[in-house]
Each structure stands twice: as structure tokens, then as C-alpha cells.
Amino acid sequence: MKAKEYCHIPYIRYLSDEGEALHRLPAWTENSDVLVDYYRSMVIARAGDAKAVALQRTGQMGTYPSALGQEAISTVCCSLLEKEDVLIPYYRDLPGLMKRGIPLSDVLLYWGGDERGSASEAWGKDFPNCVPIATQAGHAAGVATALKVRHQHQVAMVSMGDGATSKGDFTEALNLAGVWQLPIVFIINNNQWAISVPRKIQSGAPTLAQKGVSAGLTSIQVDGNDVIALHEAVNAAIKQARSGKGATVIEAITYRLGDHTTADDASRYRESEELQEAWGREPIKRLRNFLYQRGLWNEEKEQALQKEAAALIDKEVKRYLNTPLPEISDLFDHHYAQMPAQLEKQKQHAIAKAEAMNMGGVHS
């Protein structure tokens, strides 16, 4: 039998592409503060994302992976986590990191090649950005195992792109989560592209979510541009994990409106018509339309938010650019409890060379 004949994956959607309610909405949507907060967070995150791209283009930061068009997934997921839960993010999670209280300047530091951007107190127990594909899934299984062994009612949430689901790390983590009933929420950001490989030829599975079924996990699809659908799916998954009832795999369907990273040119492999169509489904405009229709937003509020976002981003960018560069000695100081004599010689040589070249300064 074909997979689609014996494996039904629920699909959750509440809002049309134009932001109109498709059917009766959950009761929590009557609290306008939640929806407005989602909107504000996404708008600010998109402004920060655009600025990060601009910094890279002007040589003030390294390669950066944009979250353009995918803000809803990370925003909602991280809004619903408790402070003591553990986020194991991947490289396209800027919106969620900001929602978790990570300063944009920290994120910029990281992509500027400064590991201190992943080490400030703001990160708490959350893991740093994961750039290798799918390795974070195994990390999440380890975190969740520790939480369960310690009888802590906390949740591990791990995010990844659609390409990560083709890696063995992902399926191994699913297997552990199923066998040990681990408190994990797996978030798949299916933005339709694994760099230049389209979803339709990357995996033969009708859905990516159904890969969790083989491990005995609750597995669903959700419209990743619909904050209401995301809220419903993620909230249920977190509650299930926290109550000891096991993990959930959520495949959030969205679209990568930008390049894979600033080192990529998507126009080489993607049709402009496809991109134009995807812009009609993006999450920020969809939620803005919904809020306008419900009388919860207006042009005056929009202009005030844009000014607020610009001021916040400007402040964080200045903090990043004015951060003194790390010491050359940091390259050597964090490998051994007691530094070997040969490495100490290399360290002193590097320090002397840096001083001779006057390699101090700031990120700008």
C-alpha cells in the first residue's frame, strides 16, 4: 500500500491567504493581546533580519541565513515555551531567539564570527544556533532525556529545515523520542527548499511529518504562515510533552522568500513566478489583514510600530558594531584545563603577531 493510503496526517489551518477566518476560531483568539503581540514580534524580527542582510552586504558581518517569510513559525513556537524550557534552535531562528529575550546584538555577534554572541546570560539554558544540518536533533534528544531522568516537567523544542529530515541524525532522534517517551517538540520549517533542492525531489514521502509516525510519535502538518494554526498545534504539542505523554513532530508549511543565505543566489534555480505567488501567502501581511478586519490594528499603530522597530534595531546594531573584538588569546584559552606547553608557545606567538599588526578594534 502507498504511504498516503495508510498514514493520515492532519493539516491545521484557520486563516486564508488574505487573513480571513476559514472556520470557527479557537476561544483564545478573543484575547487580542496575543495576536497583536505575535504581529509586533514578527514585524520587529523582519526589520532585524533585513538589517542583518544589509550588514553582510556592506562587509560588516559574515554570511547570514535570512528568515524572510518564515517569521511566524519561530515567533509562535518560542512565545509558547516557558522560561525554563530548553530551545535547541537552528540557523534560521532569529525571530524566536528575539522572542526568548536574546538581544539582536548577540545574534549579530555570532554571525559576525564572535562566539560571545552565543554565550551571554540572556541565553540561559537555550542552545546556540546550530549550523550543521540535523545534529541539533540529537542534542535535543539528550536534553529531553536529562529532563525526564531528573523528573523535571520541562520541554525541549528543536527546530530544523526540511532538508534536515533527510539526515540520519533526525531519524535517530525520532527513534529515541518514541522509545523513551521523551518530552520533545520537533519543529520542521518546511520552506520548500534545501538550499537549491526543491521539496518535491528531496523526499519521496508525501509529507515530512509522517516520518515521525514510524517512531510512534504524534505527527501533524500546519500552515506555517498562519499564527492561529501554529498556536493551536504547538501549544498542544508542548502540553503533551510536559505531561509525560511523549513527543510531537510538527511540519510547518511555509516558503523561503529570500536566498538560502547571503552566499546564495536563489534566482539561479527558482522561478520568479513561484516566488511572486509565495509573497501572497506570507505571514505578516496575512495577520495584519486579520487584525485590520477585526478592528485591532490601524495605520497609526502601524506607523508607531515601524518607528519602534527601527529605533530598537538601530540601538542593537550600534551595540554590535561598537563591541570590541575578542582577544587573540581566546583562540587558545578554552581547549584545555591546563594548556600544553606547545600550545602556549603558539599562543604567545599569535599575541605578538597581533600586536605587531595592531589587530585591535571593533566589529565595524
Protein backbone atom coordinates (compact mmCIF):
# COMPACT_ATOMS: atom_id res chain seq x y z
CA MET A 1 0.00 0.00 0.00
CA LYS A 2 1.12 3.54 -0.62
CA ALA A 3 2.04 5.69 2.36
CA LYS A 4 -0.80 8.13 1.75
CA GLU A 5 -3.29 5.25 1.98
CA TYR A 6 -2.39 4.17 5.49
CA CYS A 7 -0.83 7.25 7.05
CA HIS A 8 -3.23 10.16 7.53
CA ILE A 9 -1.52 13.36 8.66
CA PRO A 10 -3.84 16.08 10.00
CA TYR A 11 -3.43 19.54 8.49
CA ILE A 12 -4.34 22.60 10.56
CA ARG A 13 -5.28 25.96 9.06
CA TYR A 14 -7.55 28.76 10.29
CA LEU A 15 -6.77 31.79 8.11
CA SER A 16 -6.91 32.18 4.35
CA ASP A 17 -4.03 33.75 2.45
CA GLU A 18 -5.91 37.06 2.73
CA GLY A 19 -6.26 36.77 6.51
CA GLU A 20 -9.94 35.80 6.59
CA ALA A 21 -11.21 33.18 9.05
CA LEU A 22 -11.94 29.93 7.24
CA HIS A 23 -13.98 28.46 10.10
CA ARG A 24 -14.70 28.99 13.79
CA LEU A 25 -11.64 30.27 15.63
CA PRO A 26 -10.34 28.96 18.99
CA ALA A 27 -11.56 30.79 22.09
CA TRP A 28 -8.12 32.18 22.94
CA THR A 29 -8.19 34.37 19.83
CA GLU A 30 -10.71 36.58 21.65
CA ASN A 31 -7.69 37.81 23.62
CA SER A 32 -6.43 40.34 21.10
CA ASP A 33 -3.23 40.92 23.06
CA VAL A 34 -1.86 37.53 21.98
CA LEU A 35 -2.42 38.15 18.28
CA VAL A 36 -1.13 41.72 18.42
CA ASP A 37 1.98 40.51 20.24
CA TYR A 38 2.60 37.94 17.51
CA TYR A 39 2.27 40.65 14.89
CA ARG A 40 4.56 43.09 16.68
CA SER A 41 7.19 40.42 17.23
CA MET A 42 7.19 39.35 13.59
CA VAL A 43 7.46 42.92 12.31
CA ILE A 44 10.40 43.68 14.60
CA ALA A 45 12.08 40.40 13.70
CA ARG A 46 11.73 41.12 9.97
CA ALA A 47 13.32 44.53 10.48
CA GLY A 48 16.21 42.92 12.34
CA ASP A 49 16.54 40.28 9.65
CA ALA A 50 16.71 42.88 6.89
CA LYS A 51 19.36 44.80 8.79
CA ALA A 52 21.45 41.66 9.23
CA VAL A 53 21.39 41.11 5.47
CA ALA A 54 22.42 44.74 4.93
CA LEU A 55 25.32 44.38 7.36
CA GLN A 56 26.58 41.35 5.47
CA ARG A 57 26.23 43.09 2.12
CA THR A 58 28.33 46.01 3.37
CA GLY A 59 31.08 43.78 4.77
CA GLN A 60 30.21 44.37 8.42
CA MET A 61 29.10 40.80 9.16
CA GLY A 62 29.61 37.27 7.88
CA THR A 63 27.29 35.01 5.92
CA TYR A 64 23.74 35.17 7.24
CA PRO A 65 20.62 32.98 6.70
CA SER A 66 17.51 35.14 6.35
CA ALA A 67 14.18 34.18 7.95
CA LEU A 68 12.20 36.31 5.47
CA GLY A 69 8.68 34.94 5.10
CA GLN A 70 9.15 32.35 7.84
CA GLU A 71 8.77 34.58 10.90
CA ALA A 72 5.52 33.08 12.17
CA ILE A 73 6.92 29.63 12.94
CA SER A 74 9.76 30.66 15.18
CA THR A 75 7.81 33.51 16.78
CA VAL A 76 4.86 31.39 17.86
CA CYS A 77 6.96 28.41 18.94
CA CYS A 78 9.18 30.46 21.22
CA SER A 79 6.30 32.54 22.55
CA LEU A 80 4.66 29.40 23.92
CA LEU A 81 7.74 27.99 25.63
CA GLU A 82 8.20 28.59 29.35
CA LYS A 83 11.37 30.30 30.52
CA GLU A 84 12.78 27.05 31.96
CA ASP A 85 12.11 25.04 28.82
CA VAL A 86 15.08 24.46 26.53
CA LEU A 87 15.25 25.72 22.95
CA ILE A 88 17.62 23.95 20.57
CA PRO A 89 17.43 26.30 17.56
CA TYR A 90 18.81 26.15 14.07
CA TYR A 91 20.29 28.90 11.98
CA ARG A 92 17.02 30.42 10.73
CA ASP A 93 15.53 31.13 14.16
CA LEU A 94 16.23 34.85 14.62
CA PRO A 95 12.55 35.66 15.33
CA GLY A 96 12.34 33.03 18.04
CA LEU A 97 15.64 33.98 19.62
CA MET A 98 14.47 37.57 19.94
CA LYS A 99 11.23 36.29 21.44
CA ARG A 100 13.26 34.33 24.01
CA GLY A 101 14.95 37.57 25.07
CA ILE A 102 18.20 37.18 23.13
CA PRO A 103 19.39 40.67 22.11
CA LEU A 104 19.73 41.16 18.37
CA SER A 105 23.28 42.34 19.04
CA ASP A 106 24.12 38.84 20.33
CA VAL A 107 22.80 37.25 17.14
CA LEU A 108 24.77 39.73 15.02
CA LEU A 109 27.90 39.00 17.03
CA TYR A 110 27.52 35.31 16.30
CA TRP A 111 27.14 35.83 12.55
CA GLY A 112 29.98 38.32 12.76
CA GLY A 113 32.25 35.45 13.80
CA ASP A 114 32.27 36.24 17.51
CA GLU A 115 31.27 33.25 19.64
CA ARG A 116 30.49 35.54 22.59
CA GLY A 117 27.22 36.12 20.77
CA SER A 118 26.12 32.67 21.94
CA ALA A 119 27.44 32.93 25.47
CA SER A 120 25.72 35.85 27.20
CA GLU A 121 23.49 35.34 30.24
CA ALA A 122 20.45 36.06 28.10
CA TRP A 123 20.73 32.60 26.53
CA GLY A 124 20.06 30.83 29.82
CA LYS A 125 19.79 27.07 29.17
CA ASP A 126 18.99 27.51 25.48
CA PHE A 127 21.48 26.13 22.99
CA PRO A 128 23.36 28.30 20.48
CA ASN A 129 22.47 28.40 16.79
CA CYS A 130 23.12 25.09 15.03
CA VAL A 131 24.55 25.40 11.54
CA PRO A 132 25.42 21.72 10.80
CA ILE A 133 22.33 20.07 9.38
CA ALA A 134 20.21 18.00 11.79
CA THR A 135 22.85 17.49 14.51
CA GLN A 136 20.67 19.56 16.83
CA ALA A 137 18.04 16.79 16.77
CA GLY A 138 20.40 14.51 18.68
CA HIS A 139 21.25 17.30 21.09
CA ALA A 140 17.54 17.75 21.78
CA ALA A 141 17.12 14.05 22.49
CA GLY A 142 19.94 14.31 25.00
CA VAL A 143 18.40 17.35 26.67
CA ALA A 144 14.98 15.71 26.84
CA THR A 145 16.48 12.54 28.30
CA ALA A 146 18.11 14.58 31.05
CA LEU A 147 14.84 16.37 31.78
CA LYS A 148 12.99 13.06 32.05
CA VAL A 149 15.63 11.35 34.19
CA ARG A 150 15.60 14.30 36.58
CA HIS A 151 11.78 14.32 36.68
CA GLN A 152 11.70 17.92 35.53
CA HIS A 153 8.44 18.97 33.89
CA GLN A 154 10.18 20.92 31.17
CA VAL A 155 10.20 20.62 27.42
CA ALA A 156 12.92 20.52 24.80
CA MET A 157 11.99 22.16 21.50
CA VAL A 158 14.17 21.64 18.46
CA SER A 159 13.76 23.30 15.07
CA MET A 160 15.16 22.42 11.67
CA GLY A 161 14.62 22.91 7.97
CA ASP A 162 13.03 20.40 5.62
CA GLY A 163 16.44 19.25 4.42
CA ALA A 164 17.35 18.11 7.93
CA THR A 165 14.63 15.45 7.83
CA SER A 166 16.69 13.59 5.23
CA LYS A 167 19.58 13.14 7.66
CA GLY A 168 20.14 10.15 9.90
CA ASP A 169 20.50 12.40 12.94
CA PHE A 170 16.82 13.28 12.60
CA THR A 171 15.51 9.73 12.37
CA GLU A 172 17.75 8.57 15.22
CA ALA A 173 16.40 11.35 17.44
CA LEU A 174 12.82 10.42 16.48
CA ASN A 175 13.50 6.81 17.41
CA LEU A 176 14.85 7.76 20.84
CA ALA A 177 11.94 10.12 21.44
CA GLY A 178 9.47 7.36 20.63
CA VAL A 179 11.11 4.56 22.59
CA TRP A 180 11.80 6.64 25.69
CA GLN A 181 8.70 8.86 25.53
CA LEU A 182 10.85 11.97 25.62
CA PRO A 183 9.44 15.48 26.19
CA ILE A 184 10.42 16.93 22.80
CA VAL A 185 8.65 19.04 20.22
CA PHE A 186 10.22 18.66 16.77
CA ILE A 187 9.54 21.70 14.56
CA ILE A 188 10.16 21.26 10.82
CA ASN A 189 10.31 24.55 8.95
CA ASN A 190 9.34 23.25 5.53
CA ASN A 191 10.23 26.29 3.44
CA GLN A 192 10.24 24.16 0.25
CA TRP A 193 13.98 24.44 -0.42
CA ALA A 194 17.00 22.55 0.93
CA ILE A 195 19.42 25.14 -0.44
CA SER A 196 18.76 24.62 -4.18
CA VAL A 197 16.96 21.28 -3.90
CA PRO A 198 13.14 21.60 -4.02
CA ARG A 199 10.99 19.69 -1.56
CA LYS A 200 9.37 17.61 -4.31
CA ILE A 201 12.64 15.86 -5.21
CA GLN A 202 14.28 15.94 -1.79
CA SER A 203 11.99 13.33 -0.23
CA GLY A 204 9.58 10.78 -1.63
CA ALA A 205 7.37 10.95 1.46
CA PRO A 206 4.00 12.62 0.78
CA THR A 207 4.56 14.64 3.97
CA LEU A 208 7.63 15.20 6.11
CA ALA A 209 5.55 14.94 9.27
CA GLN A 210 4.77 11.29 8.63
CA LYS A 211 8.40 10.43 9.23
CA GLY A 212 7.53 10.69 12.91
CA VAL A 213 4.78 8.07 12.60
CA SER A 214 7.32 5.27 12.19
CA ALA A 215 8.72 6.22 15.60
CA GLY A 216 5.28 6.20 17.20
CA LEU A 217 5.08 9.98 17.55
CA THR A 218 2.14 12.32 17.14
CA SER A 219 2.72 13.88 13.72
CA ILE A 220 0.87 16.77 12.08
CA GLN A 221 1.12 19.41 9.38
CA VAL A 222 0.22 23.03 9.94
CA ASP A 223 0.08 26.16 7.81
CA GLY A 224 3.32 27.80 8.86
CA ASN A 225 2.11 31.24 7.77
CA ASP A 226 -0.99 31.07 9.99
CA VAL A 227 -0.23 32.13 13.59
CA ILE A 228 -3.55 30.79 14.87
CA ALA A 229 -2.94 27.33 13.43
CA LEU A 230 0.62 27.37 14.71
CA HIS A 231 -0.52 28.38 18.18
CA GLU A 232 -3.02 25.53 18.31
CA ALA A 233 -0.56 22.89 17.10
CA VAL A 234 2.46 23.99 19.12
CA ASN A 235 0.53 24.60 22.31
CA ALA A 236 -0.96 21.10 22.17
CA ALA A 237 2.46 19.57 21.49
CA ILE A 238 4.04 21.38 24.42
CA LYS A 239 1.26 20.30 26.77
CA GLN A 240 1.60 16.71 25.61
CA ALA A 241 5.35 16.71 26.18
CA ARG A 242 5.12 18.43 29.55
CA SER A 243 2.55 15.94 30.82
CA GLY A 244 4.81 12.98 30.02
CA LYS A 245 2.84 11.79 27.01
CA GLY A 246 5.67 11.95 24.52
CA ALA A 247 6.96 13.90 21.57
CA THR A 248 5.28 15.53 18.60
CA VAL A 249 6.53 16.21 15.08
CA ILE A 250 5.11 19.40 13.55
CA GLU A 251 5.72 20.14 9.89
CA ALA A 252 5.04 23.83 9.34
CA ILE A 253 4.47 24.64 5.67
CA THR A 254 5.92 27.98 4.60
CA TYR A 255 8.18 29.39 1.90
CA ARG A 256 11.68 30.83 1.87
CA LEU A 257 11.22 34.25 0.29
CA GLY A 258 14.93 35.06 0.34
CA ASP A 259 18.09 33.27 -0.67
CA HIS A 260 19.27 30.26 1.33
CA THR A 261 21.93 32.51 2.83
CA THR A 262 23.65 35.69 1.76
CA ALA A 263 26.16 33.42 -0.02
CA ASP A 264 23.40 32.11 -2.29
CA ASP A 265 21.53 33.42 -5.34
CA ALA A 266 18.14 31.70 -5.49
CA SER A 267 17.32 33.25 -8.87
CA ARG A 268 19.64 30.67 -10.45
CA TYR A 269 17.30 27.80 -9.58
CA ARG A 270 13.91 29.28 -8.64
CA GLU A 271 11.23 30.64 -10.96
CA SER A 272 10.24 34.26 -10.30
CA GLU A 273 6.55 33.34 -10.73
CA GLU A 274 6.79 30.85 -7.86
CA LEU A 275 8.38 33.47 -5.62
CA GLN A 276 5.75 36.07 -6.52
CA GLU A 277 2.97 33.63 -5.68
CA ALA A 278 4.59 32.84 -2.31
CA TRP A 279 4.64 36.53 -1.39
CA GLY A 280 0.86 36.38 -1.48
CA ARG A 281 0.86 33.83 1.34
CA GLU A 282 3.43 35.40 3.68
CA PRO A 283 2.56 35.53 7.40
CA ILE A 284 2.93 39.20 8.35
CA LYS A 285 0.56 40.57 5.73
CA ARG A 286 -1.88 37.76 6.48
CA LEU A 287 -2.04 38.57 10.19
CA ARG A 288 -2.09 42.33 9.56
CA ASN A 289 -5.14 41.88 7.33
CA PHE A 290 -6.85 39.81 10.02
CA LEU A 291 -6.14 42.42 12.70
CA TYR A 292 -7.42 45.23 10.47
CA GLN A 293 -10.61 43.29 9.73
CA ARG A 294 -11.21 42.80 13.46
CA GLY A 295 -10.55 46.45 14.28
CA LEU A 296 -7.47 45.51 16.30
CA TRP A 297 -4.96 47.45 14.19
CA ASN A 298 -4.81 50.65 12.20
CA GLU A 299 -2.41 52.84 10.24
CA GLU A 300 -1.48 54.92 13.27
CA LYS A 301 -0.44 51.82 15.22
CA GLU A 302 1.42 50.51 12.20
CA GLN A 303 3.49 53.68 11.80
CA ALA A 304 4.28 53.70 15.53
CA LEU A 305 5.43 50.08 15.37
CA GLN A 306 7.66 50.74 12.37
CA LYS A 307 9.34 53.61 14.25
CA GLU A 308 9.73 51.48 17.36
CA ALA A 309 11.26 48.65 15.35
CA ALA A 310 13.68 50.97 13.57
CA ALA A 311 14.85 52.50 16.87
CA LEU A 312 15.32 49.12 18.52
CA ILE A 313 17.24 47.68 15.58
CA ASP A 314 19.44 50.78 15.33
CA LYS A 315 20.33 50.53 19.02
CA GLU A 316 21.23 46.84 18.75
CA VAL A 317 23.27 47.33 15.58
CA LYS A 318 25.29 50.10 17.23
CA ARG A 319 25.93 47.83 20.20
CA TYR A 320 27.18 45.12 17.85
CA LEU A 321 29.38 47.41 15.77
CA ASN A 322 30.91 49.02 18.87
CA THR A 323 31.71 45.74 20.62
CA PRO A 324 35.50 45.36 20.94
CA LEU A 325 36.89 42.39 19.07
CA PRO A 326 37.74 39.33 21.19
CA GLU A 327 41.29 38.81 22.34
CA ILE A 328 43.58 36.66 20.19
CA SER A 329 44.24 34.58 23.30
CA ASP A 330 40.62 33.36 23.17
CA LEU A 331 41.66 31.12 20.29
CA PHE A 332 43.78 29.13 22.72
CA ASP A 333 42.35 29.54 26.20
CA HIS A 334 39.25 27.36 26.01
CA HIS A 335 40.54 23.99 24.80
CA TYR A 336 42.30 22.52 27.83
CA ALA A 337 42.03 22.81 31.60
CA GLN A 338 45.82 23.07 31.58
CA MET A 339 47.30 24.36 28.34
CA PRO A 340 50.05 22.16 26.79
CA ALA A 341 53.46 23.79 26.50
CA GLN A 342 53.43 23.68 22.70
CA LEU A 343 50.04 25.42 22.53
CA GLU A 344 51.28 28.05 24.98
CA LYS A 345 54.15 28.82 22.60
CA GLN A 346 51.70 29.19 19.71
CA LYS A 347 49.54 31.47 21.82
CA GLN A 348 52.40 33.80 22.67
CA HIS A 349 53.48 33.87 19.02
CA ALA A 350 49.93 34.77 17.91
CA ILE A 351 49.65 37.52 20.54
CA ALA A 352 52.95 39.03 19.48
CA LYS A 353 51.97 38.94 15.81
CA ALA A 354 48.58 40.52 16.54
CA GLU A 355 50.19 43.32 18.50
CA ALA A 356 52.66 43.94 15.69
CA MET A 357 49.78 44.15 13.20
CA ASN A 358 47.68 46.30 15.57
CA MET A 359 44.71 43.94 15.28
CA GLY A 360 42.55 45.62 17.90
CA GLY A 361 39.32 47.44 17.13
CA VAL A 362 35.59 46.84 16.92
CA HIS A 363 33.32 44.90 14.58
CA SER A 364 32.67 47.94 12.39
